[in-house]
Amino acid sequence: MLKDKLRKHVLVLASRSPRRMKLLQEAGIPFRLAIPLDIEEKFPKGLDKFQIAVYLAELKSEAFGEIPDNEILLTADTIVWFENEVINKPANRENAIEILTALSGKMHEVITGVCLRKNFKTKSFYSHSEVHFAKLSTEEITHYVDTWKPFDKAGGYGIQEWIGYIGIEKINGSYFNVMGLPIQKLYRELEKFID
């Protein structure tokens, strides 16, 4: 089991996301938390949507430089892709309402890039989900934004919050990926990475 394999290693999660921490805890994967370094999340032109998510996860990892021999650094980046562009975290209340109004009644994609790194070895991968929103009323959108204040979330919403319960009609792909970490895929990739 992964838990046994991790006895000789320390998995270090470099993330401020409480959702990523919760998913690792609930999957029984022991980890230590490291505060990620502040980096400018810019990516080169010409990357496709999958490459963008992986590039940003790797950028976060590289910012740490060398890591101790017994540590495995885990970094991740989740992007929302809609109408051929990345939808960032909302800048403010108005922007959050604007984003959710655009996503209402349509399908968008959520891609999480993940990077596992120990010295001299790196493994990067991504997970992809399609999320279909029902048509949301202006009242529902403003109620959600004013109550949950989703300003730290790509796409302006958290699937595990009220809007996910009432607004999401269908998902193709991993639910946990939409939360910010494709935990099932990560579990299997970690098993292979440690071997």
C-alpha atoms as a PDB file:
ATOM      1  CA  MET A   1       0.000   0.000   0.000  1.00  0.00           C
ATOM      2  CA  LEU A   2       1.036   3.590  -0.602  1.00  0.00           C
ATOM      3  CA  LYS A   3       1.054   4.387   3.129  1.00  0.00           C
ATOM      4  CA  ASP A   4       3.726   1.710   3.675  1.00  0.00           C
ATOM      5  CA  LYS A   5       5.795   2.895   0.712  1.00  0.00           C
ATOM      6  CA  LEU A   6       5.729   6.449   2.065  1.00  0.00           C
ATOM      7  CA  ARG A   7       7.355   5.410   5.366  1.00  0.00           C
ATOM      8  CA  LYS A   8      10.813   6.078   3.911  1.00  0.00           C
ATOM      9  CA  HIS A   9       9.738   9.366   2.342  1.00  0.00           C
ATOM     10  CA  VAL A  10       8.092  12.617   3.359  1.00  0.00           C
ATOM     11  CA  LEU A  11       5.444  13.866   0.941  1.00  0.00           C
ATOM     12  CA  VAL A  12       5.543  17.663   0.984  1.00  0.00           C
ATOM     13  CA  LEU A  13       2.450  19.465  -0.297  1.00  0.00           C
ATOM     14  CA  ALA A  14       3.305  22.960  -1.502  1.00  0.00           C
ATOM     15  CA  SER A  15      -0.142  24.523  -1.528  1.00  0.00           C
ATOM     16  CA  ARG A  16      -2.313  27.036   0.286  1.00  0.00           C
ATOM     17  CA  SER A  17      -5.460  25.181  -0.764  1.00  0.00           C
ATOM     18  CA  PRO A  18      -7.471  23.752   2.152  1.00  0.00           C
ATOM     19  CA  ARG A  19      -9.237  21.523  -0.387  1.00  0.00           C
ATOM     20  CA  ARG A  20      -5.992  19.831  -1.458  1.00  0.00           C
ATOM     21  CA  MET A  21      -5.034  19.266   2.177  1.00  0.00           C
ATOM     22  CA  LYS A  22      -8.448  17.779   2.938  1.00  0.00           C
ATOM     23  CA  LEU A  23      -8.343  15.417  -0.046  1.00  0.00           C
ATOM     24  CA  LEU A  24      -4.902  14.062   0.955  1.00  0.00           C
ATOM     25  CA  GLN A  25      -6.045  13.632   4.577  1.00  0.00           C
ATOM     26  CA  GLU A  26      -9.247  11.850   3.599  1.00  0.00           C
ATOM     27  CA  ALA A  27      -7.371   9.534   1.227  1.00  0.00           C
ATOM     28  CA  GLY A  28      -5.083   8.601   4.141  1.00  0.00           C
ATOM     29  CA  ILE A  29      -1.955   9.942   2.436  1.00  0.00           C
ATOM     30  CA  PRO A  30       0.464  11.338   5.042  1.00  0.00           C
ATOM     31  CA  PHE A  31       2.043  14.658   4.125  1.00  0.00           C
ATOM     32  CA  ARG A  32       3.764  17.734   5.469  1.00  0.00           C
ATOM     33  CA  LEU A  33       2.712  21.200   4.395  1.00  0.00           C
ATOM     34  CA  ALA A  34       5.054  23.753   2.839  1.00  0.00           C
ATOM     35  CA  ILE A  35       3.976  27.273   2.029  1.00  0.00           C
ATOM     36  CA  PRO A  36       4.431  27.699  -1.728  1.00  0.00           C
ATOM     37  CA  LEU A  37       6.707  30.438  -2.941  1.00  0.00           C
ATOM     38  CA  ASP A  38       5.028  33.370  -4.625  1.00  0.00           C
ATOM     39  CA  ILE A  39       5.539  33.069  -8.359  1.00  0.00           C
ATOM     40  CA  GLU A  40       3.969  34.887 -11.244  1.00  0.00           C
ATOM     41  CA  GLU A  41       1.620  32.373 -12.839  1.00  0.00           C
ATOM     42  CA  LYS A  42       2.420  33.247 -16.438  1.00  0.00           C
ATOM     43  CA  PHE A  43       2.865  30.740 -19.224  1.00  0.00           C
ATOM     44  CA  PRO A  44       4.381  30.943 -22.706  1.00  0.00           C
ATOM     45  CA  LYS A  45       2.100  31.496 -25.678  1.00  0.00           C
ATOM     46  CA  GLY A  46       1.421  28.482 -27.853  1.00  0.00           C
ATOM     47  CA  LEU A  47       0.806  25.945 -25.059  1.00  0.00           C
ATOM     48  CA  ASP A  48      -2.387  23.927 -25.239  1.00  0.00           C
ATOM     49  CA  LYS A  49      -4.747  23.817 -22.232  1.00  0.00           C
ATOM     50  CA  PHE A  50      -3.198  20.610 -20.842  1.00  0.00           C
ATOM     51  CA  GLN A  51       0.348  21.942 -21.208  1.00  0.00           C
ATOM     52  CA  ILE A  52      -0.627  25.162 -19.397  1.00  0.00           C
ATOM     53  CA  ALA A  53      -1.788  23.314 -16.260  1.00  0.00           C
ATOM     54  CA  VAL A  54       1.325  21.090 -16.212  1.00  0.00           C
ATOM     55  CA  TYR A  55       3.652  24.021 -16.928  1.00  0.00           C
ATOM     56  CA  LEU A  56       2.255  25.982 -13.963  1.00  0.00           C
ATOM     57  CA  ALA A  57       2.518  22.972 -11.618  1.00  0.00           C
ATOM     58  CA  GLU A  58       6.163  22.484 -12.696  1.00  0.00           C
ATOM     59  CA  LEU A  59       6.869  26.217 -12.287  1.00  0.00           C
ATOM     60  CA  LYS A  60       5.672  26.030  -8.666  1.00  0.00           C
ATOM     61  CA  SER A  61       7.910  22.988  -8.094  1.00  0.00           C
ATOM     62  CA  GLU A  62      11.030  24.515  -9.654  1.00  0.00           C
ATOM     63  CA  ALA A  63      10.719  27.572  -7.382  1.00  0.00           C
ATOM     64  CA  PHE A  64      11.770  25.355  -4.449  1.00  0.00           C
ATOM     65  CA  GLY A  65      15.137  24.431  -5.996  1.00  0.00           C
ATOM     66  CA  GLU A  66      16.875  21.389  -4.467  1.00  0.00           C
ATOM     67  CA  ILE A  67      14.945  19.257  -2.042  1.00  0.00           C
ATOM     68  CA  PRO A  68      16.201  16.803   0.637  1.00  0.00           C
ATOM     69  CA  ASP A  69      16.766  13.189  -0.471  1.00  0.00           C
ATOM     70  CA  ASN A  70      13.886  11.712   1.535  1.00  0.00           C
ATOM     71  CA  GLU A  71      11.287  14.253   0.375  1.00  0.00           C
ATOM     72  CA  ILE A  72       8.807  14.157  -2.491  1.00  0.00           C
ATOM     73  CA  LEU A  73       7.495  17.593  -3.429  1.00  0.00           C
ATOM     74  CA  LEU A  74       3.902  17.774  -4.659  1.00  0.00           C
ATOM     75  CA  THR A  75       2.716  20.853  -6.538  1.00  0.00           C
ATOM     76  CA  ALA A  76      -0.492  21.339  -8.503  1.00  0.00           C
ATOM     77  CA  ASP A  77      -2.285  23.967 -10.520  1.00  0.00           C
ATOM     78  CA  THR A  78      -5.931  23.937 -11.558  1.00  0.00           C
ATOM     79  CA  ILE A  79      -7.168  25.929 -14.525  1.00  0.00           C
ATOM     80  CA  VAL A  80     -10.661  26.514 -15.835  1.00  0.00           C
ATOM     81  CA  TRP A  81     -10.825  26.512 -19.641  1.00  0.00           C
ATOM     82  CA  PHE A  82     -13.821  28.165 -21.288  1.00  0.00           C
ATOM     83  CA  GLU A  83     -14.294  29.353 -24.867  1.00  0.00           C
ATOM     84  CA  ASN A  84     -10.607  28.799 -25.668  1.00  0.00           C
ATOM     85  CA  GLU A  85      -9.147  30.737 -22.777  1.00  0.00           C
ATOM     86  CA  VAL A  86      -8.087  30.359 -19.153  1.00  0.00           C
ATOM     87  CA  ILE A  87     -10.578  31.754 -16.645  1.00  0.00           C
ATOM     88  CA  ASN A  88      -8.613  32.983 -13.634  1.00  0.00           C
ATOM     89  CA  LYS A  89      -9.622  33.531 -10.027  1.00  0.00           C
ATOM     90  CA  PRO A  90     -12.055  36.440  -9.821  1.00  0.00           C
ATOM     91  CA  ALA A  91     -10.515  39.829  -9.076  1.00  0.00           C
ATOM     92  CA  ASN A  92     -13.556  40.984  -7.081  1.00  0.00           C
ATOM     93  CA  ARG A  93     -17.298  40.466  -6.513  1.00  0.00           C
ATOM     94  CA  GLU A  94     -18.330  41.924  -9.881  1.00  0.00           C
ATOM     95  CA  ASN A  95     -15.813  39.759 -11.719  1.00  0.00           C
ATOM     96  CA  ALA A  96     -17.027  36.604  -9.898  1.00  0.00           C
ATOM     97  CA  ILE A  97     -20.628  37.369 -10.904  1.00  0.00           C
ATOM     98  CA  GLU A  98     -19.498  38.047 -14.482  1.00  0.00           C
ATOM     99  CA  ILE A  99     -17.600  34.713 -14.677  1.00  0.00           C
ATOM    100  CA  LEU A 100     -20.460  32.632 -13.277  1.00  0.00           C
ATOM    101  CA  THR A 101     -22.952  34.369 -15.563  1.00  0.00           C
ATOM    102  CA  ALA A 102     -20.773  33.375 -18.545  1.00  0.00           C
ATOM    103  CA  LEU A 103     -20.464  29.735 -17.323  1.00  0.00           C
ATOM    104  CA  SER A 104     -24.210  29.457 -16.604  1.00  0.00           C
ATOM    105  CA  GLY A 105     -25.992  26.987 -18.890  1.00  0.00           C
ATOM    106  CA  LYS A 106     -22.744  25.939 -20.588  1.00  0.00           C
ATOM    107  CA  MET A 107     -19.930  23.412 -20.395  1.00  0.00           C
ATOM    108  CA  HIS A 108     -16.418  24.349 -19.260  1.00  0.00           C
ATOM    109  CA  GLU A 109     -13.307  22.269 -18.657  1.00  0.00           C
ATOM    110  CA  VAL A 110     -11.251  21.914 -15.498  1.00  0.00           C
ATOM    111  CA  ILE A 111      -7.661  20.737 -15.856  1.00  0.00           C
ATOM    112  CA  THR A 112      -5.316  20.106 -12.946  1.00  0.00           C
ATOM    113  CA  GLY A 113      -1.607  19.763 -13.629  1.00  0.00           C
ATOM    114  CA  VAL A 114       0.345  17.845 -10.987  1.00  0.00           C
ATOM    115  CA  CYS A 115       4.108  17.641 -10.496  1.00  0.00           C
ATOM    116  CA  LEU A 116       5.865  15.097  -8.255  1.00  0.00           C
ATOM    117  CA  ARG A 117       9.553  15.746  -7.723  1.00  0.00           C
ATOM    118  CA  LYS A 118      12.414  14.384  -5.748  1.00  0.00           C
ATOM    119  CA  ASN A 119      16.030  15.064  -6.549  1.00  0.00           C
ATOM    120  CA  PHE A 120      16.917  13.697 -10.000  1.00  0.00           C
ATOM    121  CA  LYS A 121      13.370  12.475 -10.695  1.00  0.00           C
ATOM    122  CA  THR A 122      10.217  14.290 -11.818  1.00  0.00           C
ATOM    123  CA  LYS A 123       6.814  13.048 -12.911  1.00  0.00           C
ATOM    124  CA  SER A 124       4.139  15.403 -14.228  1.00  0.00           C
ATOM    125  CA  PHE A 125       0.616  14.559 -15.330  1.00  0.00           C
ATOM    126  CA  TYR A 126      -2.824  16.129 -15.628  1.00  0.00           C
ATOM    127  CA  SER A 127      -6.464  15.296 -15.096  1.00  0.00           C
ATOM    128  CA  HIS A 128      -9.304  16.668 -17.211  1.00  0.00           C
ATOM    129  CA  SER A 129     -13.008  17.063 -16.368  1.00  0.00           C
ATOM    130  CA  GLU A 130     -15.921  18.563 -18.265  1.00  0.00           C
ATOM    131  CA  VAL A 131     -18.402  20.420 -16.061  1.00  0.00           C
ATOM    132  CA  HIS A 132     -21.926  21.255 -17.237  1.00  0.00           C
ATOM    133  CA  PHE A 133     -23.681  24.086 -15.414  1.00  0.00           C
ATOM    134  CA  ALA A 134     -27.457  24.454 -15.401  1.00  0.00           C
ATOM    135  CA  LYS A 135     -28.867  27.861 -16.257  1.00  0.00           C
ATOM    136  CA  LEU A 136     -28.411  29.909 -13.094  1.00  0.00           C
ATOM    137  CA  SER A 137     -30.494  32.934 -12.166  1.00  0.00           C
ATOM    138  CA  THR A 138     -28.878  36.267 -11.288  1.00  0.00           C
ATOM    139  CA  GLU A 139     -30.246  35.837  -7.734  1.00  0.00           C
ATOM    140  CA  GLU A 140     -28.589  32.408  -7.381  1.00  0.00           C
ATOM    141  CA  ILE A 141     -25.256  33.706  -8.651  1.00  0.00           C
ATOM    142  CA  THR A 142     -25.213  36.798  -6.414  1.00  0.00           C
ATOM    143  CA  HIS A 143     -26.372  34.754  -3.385  1.00  0.00           C
ATOM    144  CA  TYR A 144     -23.509  32.316  -3.931  1.00  0.00           C
ATOM    145  CA  VAL A 145     -20.849  34.992  -4.472  1.00  0.00           C
ATOM    146  CA  ASP A 146     -21.994  37.069  -1.471  1.00  0.00           C
ATOM    147  CA  THR A 147     -22.274  34.064   0.858  1.00  0.00           C
ATOM    148  CA  TRP A 148     -19.264  31.938  -0.141  1.00  0.00           C
ATOM    149  CA  LYS A 149     -16.938  34.655  -1.528  1.00  0.00           C
ATOM    150  CA  PRO A 150     -15.153  32.337  -4.018  1.00  0.00           C
ATOM    151  CA  PHE A 151     -12.303  34.728  -4.833  1.00  0.00           C
ATOM    152  CA  ASP A 152      -9.559  32.136  -4.258  1.00  0.00           C
ATOM    153  CA  LYS A 153     -11.013  29.663  -6.754  1.00  0.00           C
ATOM    154  CA  ALA A 154     -10.287  29.297 -10.471  1.00  0.00           C
ATOM    155  CA  GLY A 155     -13.508  29.891 -12.374  1.00  0.00           C
ATOM    156  CA  GLY A 156     -15.078  31.652  -9.388  1.00  0.00           C
ATOM    157  CA  TYR A 157     -16.704  28.641  -7.728  1.00  0.00           C
ATOM    158  CA  GLY A 158     -16.102  25.597  -5.551  1.00  0.00           C
ATOM    159  CA  ILE A 159     -17.864  22.436  -6.675  1.00  0.00           C
ATOM    160  CA  GLN A 160     -18.133  21.243  -3.056  1.00  0.00           C
ATOM    161  CA  GLU A 161     -20.097  24.379  -2.101  1.00  0.00           C
ATOM    162  CA  TRP A 162     -23.778  25.297  -2.489  1.00  0.00           C
ATOM    163  CA  ILE A 163     -23.461  26.214  -6.168  1.00  0.00           C
ATOM    164  CA  GLY A 164     -22.140  22.721  -6.927  1.00  0.00           C
ATOM    165  CA  TYR A 165     -25.188  21.147  -5.317  1.00  0.00           C
ATOM    166  CA  ILE A 166     -27.753  23.260  -7.128  1.00  0.00           C
ATOM    167  CA  GLY A 167     -25.933  24.271 -10.292  1.00  0.00           C
ATOM    168  CA  ILE A 168     -23.961  21.385 -11.730  1.00  0.00           C
ATOM    169  CA  GLU A 169     -25.961  19.055 -13.955  1.00  0.00           C
ATOM    170  CA  LYS A 170     -23.216  16.698 -15.099  1.00  0.00           C
ATOM    171  CA  ILE A 171     -19.488  16.017 -14.875  1.00  0.00           C
ATOM    172  CA  ASN A 172     -17.436  13.920 -17.280  1.00  0.00           C
ATOM    173  CA  GLY A 173     -14.254  13.040 -15.432  1.00  0.00           C
ATOM    174  CA  SER A 174     -13.058  13.284 -11.844  1.00  0.00           C
ATOM    175  CA  TYR A 175     -15.115  15.255  -9.313  1.00  0.00           C
ATOM    176  CA  PHE A 176     -12.020  15.606  -7.102  1.00  0.00           C
ATOM    177  CA  ASN A 177     -10.098  17.081 -10.024  1.00  0.00           C
ATOM    178  CA  VAL A 178     -12.677  19.890 -10.089  1.00  0.00           C
ATOM    179  CA  MET A 179     -12.063  20.354  -6.341  1.00  0.00           C
ATOM    180  CA  GLY A 180      -8.386  20.899  -7.150  1.00  0.00           C
ATOM    181  CA  LEU A 181      -6.584  17.547  -6.909  1.00  0.00           C
ATOM    182  CA  PRO A 182      -7.289  14.343  -8.887  1.00  0.00           C
ATOM    183  CA  ILE A 183      -6.730  12.214  -5.790  1.00  0.00           C
ATOM    184  CA  GLN A 184      -7.331   8.788  -7.341  1.00  0.00           C
ATOM    185  CA  LYS A 185      -4.865   9.423 -10.165  1.00  0.00           C
ATOM    186  CA  LEU A 186      -2.377  10.986  -7.733  1.00  0.00           C
ATOM    187  CA  TYR A 187      -2.550   7.898  -5.478  1.00  0.00           C
ATOM    188  CA  ARG A 188      -1.648   5.581  -8.383  1.00  0.00           C
ATOM    189  CA  GLU A 189       1.038   7.905  -9.767  1.00  0.00           C
ATOM    190  CA  LEU A 190       2.644   8.207  -6.316  1.00  0.00           C
ATOM    191  CA  GLU A 191       2.762   4.413  -5.989  1.00  0.00           C
ATOM    192  CA  LYS A 192       4.658   4.180  -9.290  1.00  0.00           C
ATOM    193  CA  PHE A 193       6.866   7.186  -8.481  1.00  0.00           C
ATOM    194  CA  ILE A 194       8.131   5.685  -5.224  1.00  0.00           C
ATOM    195  CA  ASP A 195       8.917   2.229  -6.723  1.00  0.00           C
END
